[in-house]
PDB file of N, CA and C in Angstrom:
ATOM      1  N   UNK A   1       0.624  -0.825  -0.176  1.00  0.00           N
ATOM      2  CA  UNK A   1      -0.406  -0.288  -0.311  1.00  0.00           C
ATOM      3  C   UNK A   1       1.168   1.050  -0.094  1.00  0.00           C
ATOM      4  N   UNK A   2       0.560   2.275  -0.967  1.00  0.00           N
ATOM      5  CA  UNK A   2       1.786   3.448  -1.255  1.00  0.00           C
ATOM      6  C   UNK A   2       0.703   4.324  -0.660  1.00  0.00           C
ATOM      7  N   UNK A   3       1.224   5.214  -0.008  1.00  0.00           N
ATOM      8  CA  UNK A   3       0.809   6.815   0.309  1.00  0.00           C
ATOM      9  C   UNK A   3       1.633   7.803  -0.374  1.00  0.00           C
ATOM     10  N   UNK A   4       0.926   9.438  -0.797  1.00  0.00           N
ATOM     11  CA  UNK A   4       1.467   9.912  -2.019  1.00  0.00           C
ATOM     12  C   UNK A   4       2.164  10.716  -0.493  1.00  0.00           C
ATOM     13  N   UNK A   5       1.930  11.748  -1.355  1.00  0.00           N
ATOM     14  CA  UNK A   5       2.644  12.881  -0.283  1.00  0.00           C
ATOM     15  C   UNK A   5       1.941  13.749   0.757  1.00  0.00           C
ATOM     16  N   UNK A   6       0.419  13.673   0.640  1.00  0.00           N
ATOM     17  CA  UNK A   6      -0.257  14.356   1.118  1.00  0.00           C
ATOM     18  C   UNK A   6      -1.588  13.208   1.704  1.00  0.00           C
ATOM     19  N   UNK A   7      -1.169  11.431   1.508  1.00  0.00           N
ATOM     20  CA  UNK A   7      -2.313  11.117   1.980  1.00  0.00           C
ATOM     21  C   UNK A   7      -1.605  11.011   3.997  1.00  0.00           C
ATOM     22  N   UNK A   8      -1.902  10.185   4.647  1.00  0.00           N
ATOM     23  CA  UNK A   8      -1.727   9.657   5.708  1.00  0.00           C
ATOM     24  C   UNK A   8      -1.877   8.135   6.377  1.00  0.00           C
ATOM     25  N   UNK A   9      -1.430   7.852   7.438  1.00  0.00           N
ATOM     26  CA  UNK A   9      -1.923   6.311   6.986  1.00  0.00           C
ATOM     27  C   UNK A   9      -2.514   7.024   9.374  1.00  0.00           C
ATOM     28  N   UNK A  10      -3.128   5.895   9.756  1.00  0.00           N
ATOM     29  CA  UNK A  10      -3.701   5.625  10.487  1.00  0.00           C
ATOM     30  C   UNK A  10      -3.178   5.915  11.615  1.00  0.00           C
ATOM     31  N   UNK A  11      -1.633   5.952  11.396  1.00  0.00           N
ATOM     32  CA  UNK A  11      -1.107   5.425  12.542  1.00  0.00           C
ATOM     33  C   UNK A  11      -0.458   7.762  12.985  1.00  0.00           C
ATOM     34  N   UNK A  12      -0.637   7.964  11.955  1.00  0.00           N
ATOM     35  CA  UNK A  12      -0.179   9.689  11.978  1.00  0.00           C
ATOM     36  C   UNK A  12      -0.713  10.212  13.090  1.00  0.00           C
ATOM     37  N   UNK A  13      -1.711  10.671  13.384  1.00  0.00           N
ATOM     38  CA  UNK A  13      -1.696  11.446  14.294  1.00  0.00           C
ATOM     39  C   UNK A  13      -1.573  11.067  15.799  1.00  0.00           C
ATOM     40  N   UNK A  14      -1.105  10.055  15.770  1.00  0.00           N
ATOM     41  CA  UNK A  14      -0.573   9.453  17.583  1.00  0.00           C
ATOM     42  C   UNK A  14       0.649   9.058  16.812  1.00  0.00           C
ATOM     43  N   UNK A  15       1.386   9.023  16.379  1.00  0.00           N
ATOM     44  CA  UNK A  15       2.947   9.577  16.006  1.00  0.00           C
ATOM     45  C   UNK A  15       3.221  10.450  16.376  1.00  0.00           C
ATOM     46  N   UNK A  16       2.227  11.756  15.608  1.00  0.00           N
ATOM     47  CA  UNK A  16       2.899  12.722  15.641  1.00  0.00           C
ATOM     48  C   UNK A  16       3.139  13.293  17.188  1.00  0.00           C
ATOM     49  N   UNK A  17       2.037  13.029  17.428  1.00  0.00           N
ATOM     50  CA  UNK A  17       1.441  13.651  18.983  1.00  0.00           C
ATOM     51  C   UNK A  17       2.868  13.153  19.806  1.00  0.00           C
ATOM     52  N   UNK A  18       3.267  12.005  19.271  1.00  0.00           N
ATOM     53  CA  UNK A  18       4.429  11.318  20.886  1.00  0.00           C
ATOM     54  C   UNK A  18       5.579  12.454  20.380  1.00  0.00           C
ATOM     55  N   UNK A  19       5.700  12.678  18.438  1.00  0.00           N
ATOM     56  CA  UNK A  19       6.888  14.115  17.954  1.00  0.00           C
ATOM     57  C   UNK A  19       7.107  14.277  19.053  1.00  0.00           C
ATOM     58  N   UNK A  20       5.547  15.018  19.044  1.00  0.00           N
ATOM     59  CA  UNK A  20       5.631  16.888  19.669  1.00  0.00           C
ATOM     60  C   UNK A  20       6.451  16.926  20.918  1.00  0.00           C
ATOM     61  N   UNK A  21       5.224  15.528  21.734  1.00  0.00           N
ATOM     62  CA  UNK A  21       6.057  15.584  23.106  1.00  0.00           C
ATOM     63  C   UNK A  21       6.986  15.124  23.122  1.00  0.00           C
ATOM     64  N   UNK A  22       7.864  14.538  22.277  1.00  0.00           N
ATOM     65  CA  UNK A  22       9.503  14.299  23.074  1.00  0.00           C
ATOM     66  C   UNK A  22      10.659  15.139  22.198  1.00  0.00           C
ATOM     67  N   UNK A  23       9.186  16.086  21.420  1.00  0.00           N
ATOM     68  CA  UNK A  23      10.052  17.847  21.150  1.00  0.00           C
ATOM     69  C   UNK A  23      10.045  18.689  22.470  1.00  0.00           C
ATOM     70  N   UNK A  24       9.154  18.539  22.981  1.00  0.00           N
ATOM     71  CA  UNK A  24       8.735  19.137  23.461  1.00  0.00           C
ATOM     72  C   UNK A  24       9.754  19.243  25.160  1.00  0.00           C
ATOM     73  N   UNK A  25       9.843  17.784  25.408  1.00  0.00           N
ATOM     74  CA  UNK A  25      10.106  17.380  26.415  1.00  0.00           C
ATOM     75  C   UNK A  25      11.725  17.714  25.983  1.00  0.00           C
ATOM     76  N   UNK A  26      12.653  17.391  25.234  1.00  0.00           N
ATOM     77  CA  UNK A  26      13.583  17.816  24.950  1.00  0.00           C
ATOM     78  C   UNK A  26      14.764  19.554  25.441  1.00  0.00           C
ATOM     79  N   UNK A  27      13.389  20.503  24.532  1.00  0.00           N
ATOM     80  CA  UNK A  27      13.700  21.333  24.709  1.00  0.00           C
ATOM     81  C   UNK A  27      13.372  22.216  26.182  1.00  0.00           C
ATOM     82  N   UNK A  28      12.925  20.746  27.087  1.00  0.00           N
ATOM     83  CA  UNK A  28      12.992  21.309  28.661  1.00  0.00           C
ATOM     84  C   UNK A  28      13.810  21.003  29.282  1.00  0.00           C
ATOM     85  N   UNK A  29      14.453  19.771  28.294  1.00  0.00           N
ATOM     86  CA  UNK A  29      15.384  19.150  29.181  1.00  0.00           C
ATOM     87  C   UNK A  29      16.280  20.102  28.556  1.00  0.00           C
ATOM     88  N   UNK A  30      17.051  20.755  27.494  1.00  0.00           N
ATOM     89  CA  UNK A  30      18.194  21.264  26.377  1.00  0.00           C
ATOM     90  C   UNK A  30      18.119  22.981  27.404  1.00  0.00           C
ATOM     91  N   UNK A  31      16.800  22.970  27.713  1.00  0.00           N
ATOM     92  CA  UNK A  31      16.116  24.368  29.218  1.00  0.00           C
ATOM     93  C   UNK A  31      16.989  24.760  29.954  1.00  0.00           C
ATOM     94  N   UNK A  32      17.016  23.145  30.715  1.00  0.00           N
ATOM     95  CA  UNK A  32      17.640  22.762  32.224  1.00  0.00           C
ATOM     96  C   UNK A  32      19.067  22.887  32.230  1.00  0.00           C
ATOM     97  N   UNK A  33      19.702  22.246  31.574  1.00  0.00           N
ATOM     98  CA  UNK A  33      21.192  21.587  31.100  1.00  0.00           C
ATOM     99  C   UNK A  33      21.776  23.963  30.854  1.00  0.00           C
ATOM    100  N   UNK A  34      20.556  24.513  30.362  1.00  0.00           N
ATOM    101  CA  UNK A  34      21.487  25.998  30.417  1.00  0.00           C
ATOM    102  C   UNK A  34      21.211  26.239  31.363  1.00  0.00           C
ATOM    103  N   UNK A  35      20.268  26.738  31.809  1.00  0.00           N
ATOM    104  CA  UNK A  35      20.496  27.381  33.036  1.00  0.00           C
ATOM    105  C   UNK A  35      20.876  25.907  34.201  1.00  0.00           C
ATOM    106  N   UNK A  36      20.996  25.301  34.434  1.00  0.00           N
ATOM    107  CA  UNK A  36      22.202  24.608  34.730  1.00  0.00           C
ATOM    108  C   UNK A  36      23.796  25.235  35.007  1.00  0.00           C
ATOM    109  N   UNK A  37      23.739  24.775  33.247  1.00  0.00           N
ATOM    110  CA  UNK A  37      24.886  25.454  33.744  1.00  0.00           C
ATOM    111  C   UNK A  37      25.785  27.079  33.408  1.00  0.00           C
ATOM    112  N   UNK A  38      24.729  28.086  34.076  1.00  0.00           N
ATOM    113  CA  UNK A  38      24.671  29.396  34.171  1.00  0.00           C
ATOM    114  C   UNK A  38      25.518  29.242  35.590  1.00  0.00           C
ATOM    115  N   UNK A  39      23.947  28.204  36.249  1.00  0.00           N
ATOM    116  CA  UNK A  39      24.705  28.288  37.974  1.00  0.00           C
ATOM    117  C   UNK A  39      25.568  27.711  37.886  1.00  0.00           C
ATOM    118  N   UNK A  40      26.176  26.634  37.510  1.00  0.00           N
ATOM    119  CA  UNK A  40      27.546  25.761  37.843  1.00  0.00           C
ATOM    120  C   UNK A  40      28.562  27.223  37.446  1.00  0.00           C
ATOM    121  N   UNK A  41      28.180  27.896  36.362  1.00  0.00           N
ATOM    122  CA  UNK A  41      28.970  29.277  35.961  1.00  0.00           C
ATOM    123  C   UNK A  41      29.588  30.683  37.754  1.00  0.00           C
ATOM    124  N   UNK A  42      28.484  30.210  37.929  1.00  0.00           N
ATOM    125  CA  UNK A  42      28.295  31.321  38.441  1.00  0.00           C
ATOM    126  C   UNK A  42      29.138  31.689  40.155  1.00  0.00           C
ATOM    127  N   UNK A  43      28.434  29.844  39.949  1.00  0.00           N
ATOM    128  CA  UNK A  43      29.022  29.192  41.741  1.00  0.00           C
ATOM    129  C   UNK A  43      30.237  29.143  41.488  1.00  0.00           C
ATOM    130  N   UNK A  44      31.019  28.799  40.471  1.00  0.00           N
ATOM    131  CA  UNK A  44      32.815  28.788  39.916  1.00  0.00           C
ATOM    132  C   UNK A  44      33.307  29.904  40.430  1.00  0.00           C
ATOM    133  N   UNK A  45      32.775  31.127  40.263  1.00  0.00           N
ATOM    134  CA  UNK A  45      32.856  32.505  40.299  1.00  0.00           C
ATOM    135  C   UNK A  45      33.094  33.169  41.778  1.00  0.00           C
ATOM    136  N   UNK A  46      31.944  32.522  41.830  1.00  0.00           N
ATOM    137  CA  UNK A  46      31.496  33.252  44.358  1.00  0.00           C
ATOM    138  C   UNK A  46      33.121  32.609  44.705  1.00  0.00           C
ATOM    139  N   UNK A  47      33.449  30.832  44.286  1.00  0.00           N
ATOM    140  CA  UNK A  47      33.934  30.135  44.658  1.00  0.00           C
ATOM    141  C   UNK A  47      35.434  30.889  44.518  1.00  0.00           C
ATOM    142  N   UNK A  48      35.568  31.425  42.991  1.00  0.00           N
ATOM    143  CA  UNK A  48      37.647  31.761  42.925  1.00  0.00           C
ATOM    144  C   UNK A  48      37.633  33.121  43.807  1.00  0.00           C
ATOM    145  N   UNK A  49      36.307  33.797  43.992  1.00  0.00           N
ATOM    146  CA  UNK A  49      36.356  35.097  44.889  1.00  0.00           C
ATOM    147  C   UNK A  49      36.406  34.916  46.495  1.00  0.00           C
ATOM    148  N   UNK A  50      36.226  34.094  46.345  1.00  0.00           N
ATOM    149  CA  UNK A  50      35.923  33.435  48.075  1.00  0.00           C
ATOM    150  C   UNK A  50      37.278  33.129  48.291  1.00  0.00           C
ATOM    151  N   UNK A  51      37.987  32.059  47.489  1.00  0.00           N
ATOM    152  CA  UNK A  51      38.970  32.195  47.896  1.00  0.00           C
ATOM    153  C   UNK A  51      40.247  33.182  47.198  1.00  0.00           C
ATOM    154  N   UNK A  52      39.669  34.242  46.359  1.00  0.00           N
ATOM    155  CA  UNK A  52      40.697  35.345  46.782  1.00  0.00           C
ATOM    156  C   UNK A  52      40.569  36.129  48.166  1.00  0.00           C
ATOM    157  N   UNK A  53      39.263  36.070  48.559  1.00  0.00           N
ATOM    158  CA  UNK A  53      39.224  36.656  49.546  1.00  0.00           C
ATOM    159  C   UNK A  53      39.966  36.096  51.311  1.00  0.00           C
ATOM    160  N   UNK A  54      39.865  34.607  50.614  1.00  0.00           N
ATOM    161  CA  UNK A  54      40.302  34.179  52.016  1.00  0.00           C
ATOM    162  C   UNK A  54      41.719  34.177  51.934  1.00  0.00           C
ATOM    163  N   UNK A  55      42.343  34.491  50.626  1.00  0.00           N
ATOM    164  CA  UNK A  55      44.074  34.153  50.422  1.00  0.00           C
ATOM    165  C   UNK A  55      44.648  35.947  50.530  1.00  0.00           C
ATOM    166  N   UNK A  56      43.777  36.518  50.444  1.00  0.00           N
ATOM    167  CA  UNK A  56      43.946  37.941  51.452  1.00  0.00           C
ATOM    168  C   UNK A  56      43.728  38.378  52.963  1.00  0.00           C
ATOM    169  N   UNK A  57      42.737  38.106  53.143  1.00  0.00           N
ATOM    170  CA  UNK A  57      42.403  37.041  54.697  1.00  0.00           C
ATOM    171  C   UNK A  57      43.353  36.726  55.462  1.00  0.00           C
ATOM    172  N   UNK A  58      44.378  36.007  54.978  1.00  0.00           N
ATOM    173  CA  UNK A  58      45.343  34.743  55.919  1.00  0.00           C
ATOM    174  C   UNK A  58      46.748  36.259  55.567  1.00  0.00           C
ATOM    175  N   UNK A  59      46.700  36.665  54.281  1.00  0.00           N
ATOM    176  CA  UNK A  59      48.138  37.312  54.242  1.00  0.00           C
ATOM    177  C   UNK A  59      48.647  38.075  55.354  1.00  0.00           C
ATOM    178  N   UNK A  60      46.767  39.154  55.417  1.00  0.00           N
ATOM    179  CA  UNK A  60      46.568  40.635  56.629  1.00  0.00           C
ATOM    180  C   UNK A  60      47.482  40.015  58.379  1.00  0.00           C
ATOM    181  N   UNK A  61      46.245  38.587  57.885  1.00  0.00           N
ATOM    182  CA  UNK A  61      46.719  37.638  59.462  1.00  0.00           C
ATOM    183  C   UNK A  61      48.368  37.427  59.820  1.00  0.00           C
ATOM    184  N   UNK A  62      49.380  37.481  58.604  1.00  0.00           N
ATOM    185  CA  UNK A  62      50.403  37.037  58.517  1.00  0.00           C
ATOM    186  C   UNK A  62      50.808  35.122  58.626  1.00  0.00           C
ATOM    187  N   UNK A  63      49.613  34.687  57.937  1.00  0.00           N
ATOM    188  CA  UNK A  63      49.972  33.564  57.861  1.00  0.00           C
ATOM    189  C   UNK A  63      50.860  33.522  55.844  1.00  0.00           C
ATOM    190  N   UNK A  64      51.036  32.137  56.681  1.00  0.00           N
ATOM    191  CA  UNK A  64      51.469  32.270  54.772  1.00  0.00           C
ATOM    192  C   UNK A  64      51.070  31.154  54.143  1.00  0.00           C
ATOM    193  N   UNK A  65      50.444  31.328  53.004  1.00  0.00           N
ATOM    194  CA  UNK A  65      49.823  31.087  51.639  1.00  0.00           C
ATOM    195  C   UNK A  65      51.246  30.363  50.977  1.00  0.00           C
ATOM    196  N   UNK A  66      50.723  28.832  50.584  1.00  0.00           N
ATOM    197  CA  UNK A  66      51.549  28.298  50.041  1.00  0.00           C
ATOM    198  C   UNK A  66      50.068  27.123  48.720  1.00  0.00           C
ATOM    199  N   UNK A  67      50.619  26.989  47.792  1.00  0.00           N
ATOM    200  CA  UNK A  67      49.858  25.841  46.928  1.00  0.00           C
ATOM    201  C   UNK A  67      49.211  26.373  46.570  1.00  0.00           C
ATOM    202  N   UNK A  68      48.646  27.684  46.648  1.00  0.00           N
ATOM    203  CA  UNK A  68      46.933  27.554  47.398  1.00  0.00           C
ATOM    204  C   UNK A  68      46.567  27.561  45.445  1.00  0.00           C
ATOM    205  N   UNK A  69      45.115  27.041  45.193  1.00  0.00           N
ATOM    206  CA  UNK A  69      44.664  27.156  44.015  1.00  0.00           C
ATOM    207  C   UNK A  69      44.034  28.123  43.275  1.00  0.00           C
ATOM    208  N   UNK A  70      44.283  27.629  41.490  1.00  0.00           N
ATOM    209  CA  UNK A  70      44.257  29.278  41.215  1.00  0.00           C
ATOM    210  C   UNK A  70      42.244  28.700  40.115  1.00  0.00           C
TER     211      UNK A  70
END
């Protein structure tokens, strides 16, 4: 049984619906991943600044700071 370009089978509406749901799920997950990457970047920046502040504090108090992570 052959179909032309404009004819559809009985499964097409169901499969189209499943495909749309899958695409929406992927879009939602992609948005979540982007949001999490942004949060990780902000957290990393915050930790680097915290390290710099702790190093400055330690040096001010006269402690020797060695092997401080960059």
